[in-house]
Amino acid sequence: MFFIPDYSSSFEPWAQWLTGQQGMAPDPYYDPLEFVIAECRQRGLDIHAWINPYRAITDTANITSTNHITKIHPEWFLTYGKTVYFDPGLPQTRYFTLWSLA
């Protein structure tokens, strides 16, 4: 399993997990996901990428607006502790997640 942090996108700066400083690209530059895919293919390994788009609310004590997706489709969510997550087992949440990441 390979975690894909928010790196090199038009929406997010480079993740601190790659270089130790948020916003700093690796030097020399490389694409971490491309590197992992190439190395796994060379070795005949499957790769399973993990992104963290499923967290909807970090603390249930926070007030959300009436048009928040958790209020529009409460059946799409699971609560664990104080955190609310999209249920990734539902086709509609996978579609919504992919659409919002595209």
PDB file of N, CA and C in Angstrom:
ATOM      1  N   MET A   1       0.845  -1.164   0.000  1.00  0.00           N
ATOM      2  CA  MET A   1       0.000   0.000   0.000  1.00  0.00           C
ATOM      3  C   MET A   1       0.895   1.233   0.000  1.00  0.00           C
ATOM      4  N   PHE A   2       0.504   2.207  -0.764  1.00  0.00           N
ATOM      5  CA  PHE A   2       1.269   3.438  -0.903  1.00  0.00           C
ATOM      6  C   PHE A   2       0.346   4.613  -0.659  1.00  0.00           C
ATOM      7  N   PHE A   3       0.682   5.440   0.290  1.00  0.00           N
ATOM      8  CA  PHE A   3      -0.104   6.630   0.586  1.00  0.00           C
ATOM      9  C   PHE A   3       0.265   7.725  -0.389  1.00  0.00           C
ATOM     10  N   ILE A   4      -0.752   8.300  -1.024  1.00  0.00           N
ATOM     11  CA  ILE A   4      -0.528   9.404  -1.942  1.00  0.00           C
ATOM     12  C   ILE A   4      -0.863  10.690  -1.203  1.00  0.00           C
ATOM     13  N   PRO A   5       0.154  11.408  -0.724  1.00  0.00           N
ATOM     14  CA  PRO A   5      -0.134  12.672  -0.048  1.00  0.00           C
ATOM     15  C   PRO A   5      -0.466  13.747  -1.077  1.00  0.00           C
ATOM     16  N   ASP A   6      -0.941  14.862  -0.597  1.00  0.00           N
ATOM     17  CA  ASP A   6      -1.207  15.984  -1.494  1.00  0.00           C
ATOM     18  C   ASP A   6       0.126  16.551  -1.952  1.00  0.00           C
ATOM     19  N   TYR A   7       0.536  16.168  -3.124  1.00  0.00           N
ATOM     20  CA  TYR A   7       1.788  16.697  -3.642  1.00  0.00           C
ATOM     21  C   TYR A   7       1.585  17.157  -5.063  1.00  0.00           C
ATOM     22  N   SER A   8       2.222  18.233  -5.401  1.00  0.00           N
ATOM     23  CA  SER A   8       2.268  18.744  -6.760  1.00  0.00           C
ATOM     24  C   SER A   8       0.916  18.778  -7.453  1.00  0.00           C
ATOM     25  N   SER A   9       0.007  19.547  -6.934  1.00  0.00           N
ATOM     26  CA  SER A   9      -1.261  19.748  -7.616  1.00  0.00           C
ATOM     27  C   SER A   9      -1.546  21.240  -7.655  1.00  0.00           C
ATOM     28  N   SER A  10      -2.504  21.601  -8.486  1.00  0.00           N
ATOM     29  CA  SER A  10      -2.846  23.022  -8.579  1.00  0.00           C
ATOM     30  C   SER A  10      -3.613  23.487  -7.346  1.00  0.00           C
ATOM     31  N   PHE A  11      -4.052  22.539  -6.504  1.00  0.00           N
ATOM     32  CA  PHE A  11      -4.827  22.894  -5.318  1.00  0.00           C
ATOM     33  C   PHE A  11      -4.015  22.873  -4.036  1.00  0.00           C
ATOM     34  N   GLU A  12      -2.955  22.099  -4.003  1.00  0.00           N
ATOM     35  CA  GLU A  12      -2.191  21.911  -2.772  1.00  0.00           C
ATOM     36  C   GLU A  12      -0.697  22.072  -3.030  1.00  0.00           C
ATOM     37  N   PRO A  13       0.028  22.613  -2.072  1.00  0.00           N
ATOM     38  CA  PRO A  13       1.493  22.644  -2.203  1.00  0.00           C
ATOM     39  C   PRO A  13       2.059  21.238  -1.988  1.00  0.00           C
ATOM     40  N   TRP A  14       3.313  21.060  -2.299  1.00  0.00           N
ATOM     41  CA  TRP A  14       3.961  19.776  -2.036  1.00  0.00           C
ATOM     42  C   TRP A  14       3.789  19.449  -0.561  1.00  0.00           C
ATOM     43  N   ALA A  15       3.526  18.174  -0.291  1.00  0.00           N
ATOM     44  CA  ALA A  15       3.333  17.737   1.091  1.00  0.00           C
ATOM     45  C   ALA A  15       4.659  17.720   1.833  1.00  0.00           C
ATOM     46  N   GLN A  16       4.616  18.025   3.097  1.00  0.00           N
ATOM     47  CA  GLN A  16       5.815  18.030   3.944  1.00  0.00           C
ATOM     48  C   GLN A  16       6.405  16.639   4.086  1.00  0.00           C
ATOM     49  N   TRP A  17       5.612  15.607   3.832  1.00  0.00           N
ATOM     50  CA  TRP A  17       6.056  14.226   4.036  1.00  0.00           C
ATOM     51  C   TRP A  17       7.165  13.819   3.071  1.00  0.00           C
ATOM     52  N   LEU A  18       7.321  14.534   1.974  1.00  0.00           N
ATOM     53  CA  LEU A  18       8.325  14.149   0.981  1.00  0.00           C
ATOM     54  C   LEU A  18       9.677  14.793   1.207  1.00  0.00           C
ATOM     55  N   THR A  19       9.688  16.029   1.649  1.00  0.00           N
ATOM     56  CA  THR A  19      10.956  16.758   1.777  1.00  0.00           C
ATOM     57  C   THR A  19      11.199  17.318   3.169  1.00  0.00           C
ATOM     58  N   GLY A  20      10.204  17.236   4.033  1.00  0.00           N
ATOM     59  CA  GLY A  20      10.333  17.802   5.362  1.00  0.00           C
ATOM     60  C   GLY A  20       9.836  19.223   5.455  1.00  0.00           C
ATOM     61  N   GLN A  21       9.484  19.811   4.311  1.00  0.00           N
ATOM     62  CA  GLN A  21       8.977  21.192   4.319  1.00  0.00           C
ATOM     63  C   GLN A  21       7.848  21.312   3.311  1.00  0.00           C
ATOM     64  N   GLN A  22       6.689  21.739   3.765  1.00  0.00           N
ATOM     65  CA  GLN A  22       5.549  21.898   2.871  1.00  0.00           C
ATOM     66  C   GLN A  22       5.866  22.933   1.806  1.00  0.00           C
ATOM     67  N   GLY A  23       5.488  22.622   0.570  1.00  0.00           N
ATOM     68  CA  GLY A  23       5.697  23.546  -0.532  1.00  0.00           C
ATOM     69  C   GLY A  23       7.015  23.346  -1.264  1.00  0.00           C
ATOM     70  N   MET A  24       7.884  22.507  -0.731  1.00  0.00           N
ATOM     71  CA  MET A  24       9.183  22.283  -1.355  1.00  0.00           C
ATOM     72  C   MET A  24       9.150  20.975  -2.145  1.00  0.00           C
ATOM     73  N   ALA A  25       9.438  21.068  -3.439  1.00  0.00           N
ATOM     74  CA  ALA A  25       9.491  19.879  -4.291  1.00  0.00           C
ATOM     75  C   ALA A  25      10.792  19.130  -4.044  1.00  0.00           C
ATOM     76  N   PRO A  26      10.823  17.825  -4.310  1.00  0.00           N
ATOM     77  CA  PRO A  26      12.065  17.062  -4.160  1.00  0.00           C
ATOM     78  C   PRO A  26      13.146  17.593  -5.102  1.00  0.00           C
ATOM     79  N   ASP A  27      14.380  17.541  -4.667  1.00  0.00           N
ATOM     80  CA  ASP A  27      15.518  17.976  -5.488  1.00  0.00           C
ATOM     81  C   ASP A  27      16.597  16.902  -5.415  1.00  0.00           C
ATOM     82  N   PRO A  28      16.854  16.214  -6.516  1.00  0.00           N
ATOM     83  CA  PRO A  28      16.300  16.456  -7.855  1.00  0.00           C
ATOM     84  C   PRO A  28      14.831  16.075  -7.915  1.00  0.00           C
ATOM     85  N   TYR A  29      14.137  16.754  -8.809  1.00  0.00           N
ATOM     86  CA  TYR A  29      12.697  16.567  -8.935  1.00  0.00           C
ATOM     87  C   TYR A  29      12.368  15.156  -9.405  1.00  0.00           C
ATOM     88  N   TYR A  30      11.336  14.582  -8.843  1.00  0.00           N
ATOM     89  CA  TYR A  30      10.755  13.333  -9.338  1.00  0.00           C
ATOM     90  C   TYR A  30       9.302  13.282  -8.902  1.00  0.00           C
ATOM     91  N   ASP A  31       8.534  12.445  -9.573  1.00  0.00           N
ATOM     92  CA  ASP A  31       7.143  12.223  -9.215  1.00  0.00           C
ATOM     93  C   ASP A  31       7.094  10.949  -8.384  1.00  0.00           C
ATOM     94  N   PRO A  32       6.808  11.037  -7.091  1.00  0.00           N
ATOM     95  CA  PRO A  32       6.828   9.865  -6.220  1.00  0.00           C
ATOM     96  C   PRO A  32       5.892   8.740  -6.674  1.00  0.00           C
ATOM     97  N   LEU A  33       4.717   9.079  -7.148  1.00  0.00           N
ATOM     98  CA  LEU A  33       3.787   8.048  -7.591  1.00  0.00           C
ATOM     99  C   LEU A  33       4.312   7.351  -8.842  1.00  0.00           C
ATOM    100  N   GLU A  34       4.817   8.117  -9.773  1.00  0.00           N
ATOM    101  CA  GLU A  34       5.406   7.532 -10.983  1.00  0.00           C
ATOM    102  C   GLU A  34       6.567   6.596 -10.631  1.00  0.00           C
ATOM    103  N   PHE A  35       7.399   7.011  -9.689  1.00  0.00           N
ATOM    104  CA  PHE A  35       8.533   6.198  -9.248  1.00  0.00           C
ATOM    105  C   PHE A  35       8.065   4.868  -8.654  1.00  0.00           C
ATOM    106  N   VAL A  36       7.083   4.931  -7.761  1.00  0.00           N
ATOM    107  CA  VAL A  36       6.589   3.720  -7.105  1.00  0.00           C
ATOM    108  C   VAL A  36       5.954   2.773  -8.122  1.00  0.00           C
ATOM    109  N   ILE A  37       5.172   3.305  -9.038  1.00  0.00           N
ATOM    110  CA  ILE A  37       4.547   2.465 -10.064  1.00  0.00           C
ATOM    111  C   ILE A  37       5.617   1.771 -10.907  1.00  0.00           C
ATOM    112  N   ALA A  38       6.615   2.506 -11.361  1.00  0.00           N
ATOM    113  CA  ALA A  38       7.687   1.929 -12.185  1.00  0.00           C
ATOM    114  C   ALA A  38       8.446   0.839 -11.427  1.00  0.00           C
ATOM    115  N   GLU A  39       8.780   1.097 -10.171  1.00  0.00           N
ATOM    116  CA  GLU A  39       9.530   0.109  -9.386  1.00  0.00           C
ATOM    117  C   GLU A  39       8.698  -1.149  -9.122  1.00  0.00           C
ATOM    118  N   CYS A  40       7.415  -0.991  -8.858  1.00  0.00           N
ATOM    119  CA  CYS A  40       6.554  -2.152  -8.624  1.00  0.00           C
ATOM    120  C   CYS A  40       6.408  -2.970  -9.903  1.00  0.00           C
ATOM    121  N   ARG A  41       6.262  -2.301 -11.028  1.00  0.00           N
ATOM    122  CA  ARG A  41       6.150  -3.030 -12.300  1.00  0.00           C
ATOM    123  C   ARG A  41       7.413  -3.821 -12.590  1.00  0.00           C
ATOM    124  N   GLN A  42       8.566  -3.228 -12.329  1.00  0.00           N
ATOM    125  CA  GLN A  42       9.844  -3.933 -12.550  1.00  0.00           C
ATOM    126  C   GLN A  42       9.906  -5.214 -11.729  1.00  0.00           C
ATOM    127  N   ARG A  43       9.295  -5.196 -10.566  1.00  0.00           N
ATOM    128  CA  ARG A  43       9.380  -6.328  -9.653  1.00  0.00           C
ATOM    129  C   ARG A  43       8.154  -7.242  -9.711  1.00  0.00           C
ATOM    130  N   GLY A  44       7.217  -6.917 -10.602  1.00  0.00           N
ATOM    131  CA  GLY A  44       6.014  -7.731 -10.722  1.00  0.00           C
ATOM    132  C   GLY A  44       5.090  -7.616  -9.533  1.00  0.00           C
ATOM    133  N   LEU A  45       5.117  -6.490  -8.862  1.00  0.00           N
ATOM    134  CA  LEU A  45       4.289  -6.288  -7.671  1.00  0.00           C
ATOM    135  C   LEU A  45       3.044  -5.473  -7.997  1.00  0.00           C
ATOM    136  N   ASP A  46       1.976  -5.778  -7.315  1.00  0.00           N
ATOM    137  CA  ASP A  46       0.781  -4.946  -7.389  1.00  0.00           C
ATOM    138  C   ASP A  46       0.994  -3.736  -6.493  1.00  0.00           C
ATOM    139  N   ILE A  47       0.377  -2.640  -6.869  1.00  0.00           N
ATOM    140  CA  ILE A  47       0.434  -1.454  -6.005  1.00  0.00           C
ATOM    141  C   ILE A  47      -0.993  -1.025  -5.710  1.00  0.00           C
ATOM    142  N   HIS A  48      -1.215  -0.682  -4.475  1.00  0.00           N
ATOM    143  CA  HIS A  48      -2.515  -0.195  -4.046  1.00  0.00           C
ATOM    144  C   HIS A  48      -2.294   1.195  -3.464  1.00  0.00           C
ATOM    145  N   ALA A  49      -2.830   2.187  -4.144  1.00  0.00           N
ATOM    146  CA  ALA A  49      -2.637   3.570  -3.715  1.00  0.00           C
ATOM    147  C   ALA A  49      -3.738   3.974  -2.746  1.00  0.00           C
ATOM    148  N   TRP A  50      -3.357   4.785  -1.800  1.00  0.00           N
ATOM    149  CA  TRP A  50      -4.290   5.255  -0.794  1.00  0.00           C
ATOM    150  C   TRP A  50      -4.265   6.775  -0.784  1.00  0.00           C
ATOM    151  N   ILE A  51      -5.425   7.364  -0.916  1.00  0.00           N
ATOM    152  CA  ILE A  51      -5.572   8.808  -0.756  1.00  0.00           C
ATOM    153  C   ILE A  51      -6.482   9.009   0.451  1.00  0.00           C
ATOM    154  N   ASN A  52      -6.525  10.192   0.971  1.00  0.00           N
ATOM    155  CA  ASN A  52      -7.317  10.445   2.170  1.00  0.00           C
ATOM    156  C   ASN A  52      -8.427  11.455   1.885  1.00  0.00           C
ATOM    157  N   PRO A  53      -9.307  11.131   0.945  1.00  0.00           N
ATOM    158  CA  PRO A  53     -10.370  12.085   0.627  1.00  0.00           C
ATOM    159  C   PRO A  53     -11.655  11.853   1.403  1.00  0.00           C
ATOM    160  N   TYR A  54     -11.699  10.802   2.228  1.00  0.00           N
ATOM    161  CA  TYR A  54     -12.964  10.383   2.813  1.00  0.00           C
ATOM    162  C   TYR A  54     -13.362  11.116   4.083  1.00  0.00           C
ATOM    163  N   ARG A  55     -12.444  11.834   4.670  1.00  0.00           N
ATOM    164  CA  ARG A  55     -12.777  12.558   5.908  1.00  0.00           C
ATOM    165  C   ARG A  55     -13.633  13.767   5.543  1.00  0.00           C
ATOM    166  N   ALA A  56     -14.812  13.845   6.111  1.00  0.00           N
ATOM    167  CA  ALA A  56     -15.730  14.944   5.817  1.00  0.00           C
ATOM    168  C   ALA A  56     -15.762  15.990   6.929  1.00  0.00           C
ATOM    169  N   ILE A  57     -15.730  15.532   8.173  1.00  0.00           N
ATOM    170  CA  ILE A  57     -15.754  16.435   9.328  1.00  0.00           C
ATOM    171  C   ILE A  57     -14.743  15.895  10.341  1.00  0.00           C
ATOM    172  N   THR A  58     -13.853  16.744  10.796  1.00  0.00           N
ATOM    173  CA  THR A  58     -12.818  16.296  11.728  1.00  0.00           C
ATOM    174  C   THR A  58     -13.288  16.256  13.172  1.00  0.00           C
ATOM    175  N   ASP A  59     -14.327  17.006  13.486  1.00  0.00           N
ATOM    176  CA  ASP A  59     -14.828  17.034  14.856  1.00  0.00           C
ATOM    177  C   ASP A  59     -16.324  17.295  14.812  1.00  0.00           C
ATOM    178  N   THR A  60     -17.097  16.350  15.312  1.00  0.00           N
ATOM    179  CA  THR A  60     -18.555  16.484  15.269  1.00  0.00           C
ATOM    180  C   THR A  60     -19.070  17.668  16.083  1.00  0.00           C
ATOM    181  N   ALA A  61     -18.228  18.254  16.917  1.00  0.00           N
ATOM    182  CA  ALA A  61     -18.627  19.440  17.663  1.00  0.00           C
ATOM    183  C   ALA A  61     -18.675  20.672  16.747  1.00  0.00           C
ATOM    184  N   ASN A  62     -18.007  20.586  15.594  1.00  0.00           N
ATOM    185  CA  ASN A  62     -18.031  21.706  14.639  1.00  0.00           C
ATOM    186  C   ASN A  62     -19.404  21.793  13.984  1.00  0.00           C
ATOM    187  N   ILE A  63     -19.855  22.997  13.787  1.00  0.00           N
ATOM    188  CA  ILE A  63     -21.155  23.220  13.147  1.00  0.00           C
ATOM    189  C   ILE A  63     -20.949  23.252  11.639  1.00  0.00           C
ATOM    190  N   THR A  64     -21.766  22.484  10.914  1.00  0.00           N
ATOM    191  CA  THR A  64     -21.690  22.495   9.455  1.00  0.00           C
ATOM    192  C   THR A  64     -22.907  23.208   8.896  1.00  0.00           C
ATOM    193  N   SER A  65     -22.735  23.777   7.718  1.00  0.00           N
ATOM    194  CA  SER A  65     -23.834  24.518   7.095  1.00  0.00           C
ATOM    195  C   SER A  65     -24.918  23.562   6.604  1.00  0.00           C
ATOM    196  N   THR A  66     -26.073  24.104   6.342  1.00  0.00           N
ATOM    197  CA  THR A  66     -27.208  23.273   5.907  1.00  0.00           C
ATOM    198  C   THR A  66     -26.970  22.636   4.546  1.00  0.00           C
ATOM    199  N   ASN A  67     -26.095  23.221   3.731  1.00  0.00           N
ATOM    200  CA  ASN A  67     -25.826  22.646   2.415  1.00  0.00           C
ATOM    201  C   ASN A  67     -24.556  21.788   2.393  1.00  0.00           C
ATOM    202  N   HIS A  68     -24.030  21.456   3.560  1.00  0.00           N
ATOM    203  CA  HIS A  68     -22.862  20.572   3.638  1.00  0.00           C
ATOM    204  C   HIS A  68     -23.278  19.179   3.178  1.00  0.00           C
ATOM    205  N   ILE A  69     -22.411  18.479   2.470  1.00  0.00           N
ATOM    206  CA  ILE A  69     -22.724  17.163   1.912  1.00  0.00           C
ATOM    207  C   ILE A  69     -23.160  16.167   2.983  1.00  0.00           C
ATOM    208  N   THR A  70     -22.682  16.311   4.195  1.00  0.00           N
ATOM    209  CA  THR A  70     -23.094  15.396   5.268  1.00  0.00           C
ATOM    210  C   THR A  70     -24.553  15.603   5.664  1.00  0.00           C
ATOM    211  N   LYS A  71     -25.078  16.782   5.379  1.00  0.00           N
ATOM    212  CA  LYS A  71     -26.489  17.041   5.674  1.00  0.00           C
ATOM    213  C   LYS A  71     -27.371  16.727   4.467  1.00  0.00           C
ATOM    214  N   ILE A  72     -26.822  16.857   3.272  1.00  0.00           N
ATOM    215  CA  ILE A  72     -27.584  16.543   2.060  1.00  0.00           C
ATOM    216  C   ILE A  72     -27.752  15.034   1.909  1.00  0.00           C
ATOM    217  N   HIS A  73     -26.683  14.291   2.190  1.00  0.00           N
ATOM    218  CA  HIS A  73     -26.708  12.827   2.074  1.00  0.00           C
ATOM    219  C   HIS A  73     -26.136  12.174   3.336  1.00  0.00           C
ATOM    220  N   PRO A  74     -26.833  12.278   4.462  1.00  0.00           N
ATOM    221  CA  PRO A  74     -26.298  11.691   5.696  1.00  0.00           C
ATOM    222  C   PRO A  74     -26.093  10.179   5.607  1.00  0.00           C
ATOM    223  N   GLU A  75     -26.805   9.522   4.705  1.00  0.00           N
ATOM    224  CA  GLU A  75     -26.667   8.070   4.555  1.00  0.00           C
ATOM    225  C   GLU A  75     -25.335   7.663   3.915  1.00  0.00           C
ATOM    226  N   TRP A  76     -24.570   8.614   3.414  1.00  0.00           N
ATOM    227  CA  TRP A  76     -23.269   8.339   2.797  1.00  0.00           C
ATOM    228  C   TRP A  76     -22.143   8.282   3.820  1.00  0.00           C
ATOM    229  N   PHE A  77     -22.411   8.544   5.094  1.00  0.00           N
ATOM    230  CA  PHE A  77     -21.348   8.771   6.064  1.00  0.00           C
ATOM    231  C   PHE A  77     -21.364   7.813   7.250  1.00  0.00           C
ATOM    232  N   LEU A  78     -20.175   7.635   7.802  1.00  0.00           N
ATOM    233  CA  LEU A  78     -19.959   6.854   9.019  1.00  0.00           C
ATOM    234  C   LEU A  78     -19.242   7.746  10.019  1.00  0.00           C
ATOM    235  N   THR A  79     -19.573   7.611  11.280  1.00  0.00           N
ATOM    236  CA  THR A  79     -18.900   8.387  12.322  1.00  0.00           C
ATOM    237  C   THR A  79     -18.054   7.443  13.161  1.00  0.00           C
ATOM    238  N   TYR A  80     -16.822   7.855  13.382  1.00  0.00           N
ATOM    239  CA  TYR A  80     -15.909   7.105  14.239  1.00  0.00           C
ATOM    240  C   TYR A  80     -15.294   8.106  15.205  1.00  0.00           C
ATOM    241  N   GLY A  81     -15.605   7.947  16.479  1.00  0.00           N
ATOM    242  CA  GLY A  81     -15.174   8.953  17.448  1.00  0.00           C
ATOM    243  C   GLY A  81     -15.853  10.276  17.117  1.00  0.00           C
ATOM    244  N   LYS A  82     -15.052  11.314  16.921  1.00  0.00           N
ATOM    245  CA  LYS A  82     -15.580  12.637  16.586  1.00  0.00           C
ATOM    246  C   LYS A  82     -15.418  12.967  15.104  1.00  0.00           C
ATOM    247  N   THR A  83     -14.963  11.994  14.319  1.00  0.00           N
ATOM    248  CA  THR A  83     -14.700  12.236  12.908  1.00  0.00           C
ATOM    249  C   THR A  83     -15.770  11.579  12.048  1.00  0.00           C
ATOM    250  N   VAL A  84     -16.192  12.292  11.005  1.00  0.00           N
ATOM    251  CA  VAL A  84     -17.196  11.779  10.071  1.00  0.00           C
ATOM    252  C   VAL A  84     -16.510  11.518   8.741  1.00  0.00           C
ATOM    253  N   TYR A  85     -16.724  10.314   8.221  1.00  0.00           N
ATOM    254  CA  TYR A  85     -16.087   9.877   6.978  1.00  0.00           C
ATOM    255  C   TYR A  85     -17.138   9.489   5.945  1.00  0.00           C
ATOM    256  N   PHE A  86     -16.814   9.722   4.666  1.00  0.00           N
ATOM    257  CA  PHE A  86     -17.591   9.121   3.597  1.00  0.00           C
ATOM    258  C   PHE A  86     -17.481   7.609   3.758  1.00  0.00           C
ATOM    259  N   ASP A  87     -18.546   6.885   3.471  1.00  0.00           N
ATOM    260  CA  ASP A  87     -18.493   5.428   3.455  1.00  0.00           C
ATOM    261  C   ASP A  87     -17.951   5.021   2.087  1.00  0.00           C
ATOM    262  N   PRO A  88     -16.674   4.609   2.013  1.00  0.00           N
ATOM    263  CA  PRO A  88     -16.078   4.308   0.720  1.00  0.00           C
ATOM    264  C   PRO A  88     -16.636   3.050   0.066  1.00  0.00           C
ATOM    265  N   GLY A  89     -17.468   2.302   0.772  1.00  0.00           N
ATOM    266  CA  GLY A  89     -18.086   1.115   0.193  1.00  0.00           C
ATOM    267  C   GLY A  89     -19.284   1.421  -0.674  1.00  0.00           C
ATOM    268  N   LEU A  90     -19.770   2.646  -0.627  1.00  0.00           N
ATOM    269  CA  LEU A  90     -20.935   3.028  -1.423  1.00  0.00           C
ATOM    270  C   LEU A  90     -20.505   3.575  -2.780  1.00  0.00           C
ATOM    271  N   PRO A  91     -21.099   3.086  -3.854  1.00  0.00           N
ATOM    272  CA  PRO A  91     -20.728   3.579  -5.190  1.00  0.00           C
ATOM    273  C   PRO A  91     -20.883   5.098  -5.332  1.00  0.00           C
ATOM    274  N   GLN A  92     -21.931   5.652  -4.746  1.00  0.00           N
ATOM    275  CA  GLN A  92     -22.157   7.090  -4.891  1.00  0.00           C
ATOM    276  C   GLN A  92     -21.082   7.928  -4.186  1.00  0.00           C
ATOM    277  N   THR A  93     -20.531   7.428  -3.081  1.00  0.00           N
ATOM    278  CA  THR A  93     -19.471   8.197  -2.418  1.00  0.00           C
ATOM    279  C   THR A  93     -18.162   8.083  -3.189  1.00  0.00           C
ATOM    280  N   ARG A  94     -17.917   6.928  -3.798  1.00  0.00           N
ATOM    281  CA  ARG A  94     -16.716   6.787  -4.631  1.00  0.00           C
ATOM    282  C   ARG A  94     -16.799   7.721  -5.826  1.00  0.00           C
ATOM    283  N   TYR A  95     -17.969   7.793  -6.459  1.00  0.00           N
ATOM    284  CA  TYR A  95     -18.149   8.699  -7.591  1.00  0.00           C
ATOM    285  C   TYR A  95     -17.950  10.151  -7.152  1.00  0.00           C
ATOM    286  N   PHE A  96     -18.571  10.525  -6.053  1.00  0.00           N
ATOM    287  CA  PHE A  96     -18.454  11.898  -5.561  1.00  0.00           C
ATOM    288  C   PHE A  96     -16.993  12.235  -5.250  1.00  0.00           C
ATOM    289  N   THR A  97     -16.304  11.292  -4.605  1.00  0.00           N
ATOM    290  CA  THR A  97     -14.894  11.502  -4.250  1.00  0.00           C
ATOM    291  C   THR A  97     -14.033  11.676  -5.488  1.00  0.00           C
ATOM    292  N   LEU A  98     -14.200  10.790  -6.469  1.00  0.00           N
ATOM    293  CA  LEU A  98     -13.430  10.910  -7.709  1.00  0.00           C
ATOM    294  C   LEU A  98     -13.731  12.211  -8.422  1.00  0.00           C
ATOM    295  N   TRP A  99     -14.994  12.570  -8.486  1.00  0.00           N
ATOM    296  CA  TRP A  99     -15.376  13.803  -9.154  1.00  0.00           C
ATOM    297  C   TRP A  99     -14.762  15.016  -8.458  1.00  0.00           C
ATOM    298  N   SER A 100     -14.745  15.012  -7.146  1.00  0.00           N
ATOM    299  CA  SER A 100     -14.209  16.172  -6.417  1.00  0.00           C
ATOM    300  C   SER A 100     -12.691  16.249  -6.494  1.00  0.00           C
ATOM    301  N   LEU A 101     -12.032  15.117  -6.780  1.00  0.00           N
ATOM    302  CA  LEU A 101     -10.576  15.113  -6.910  1.00  0.00           C
ATOM    303  C   LEU A 101     -10.103  15.423  -8.322  1.00  0.00           C
ATOM    304  N   ALA A 102     -10.999  15.264  -9.283  1.00  0.00           N
ATOM    305  CA  ALA A 102     -10.610  15.443 -10.692  1.00  0.00           C
ATOM    306  C   ALA A 102     -10.375  16.891 -11.040  1.00  0.00           C
TER     307      ALA A 102
END
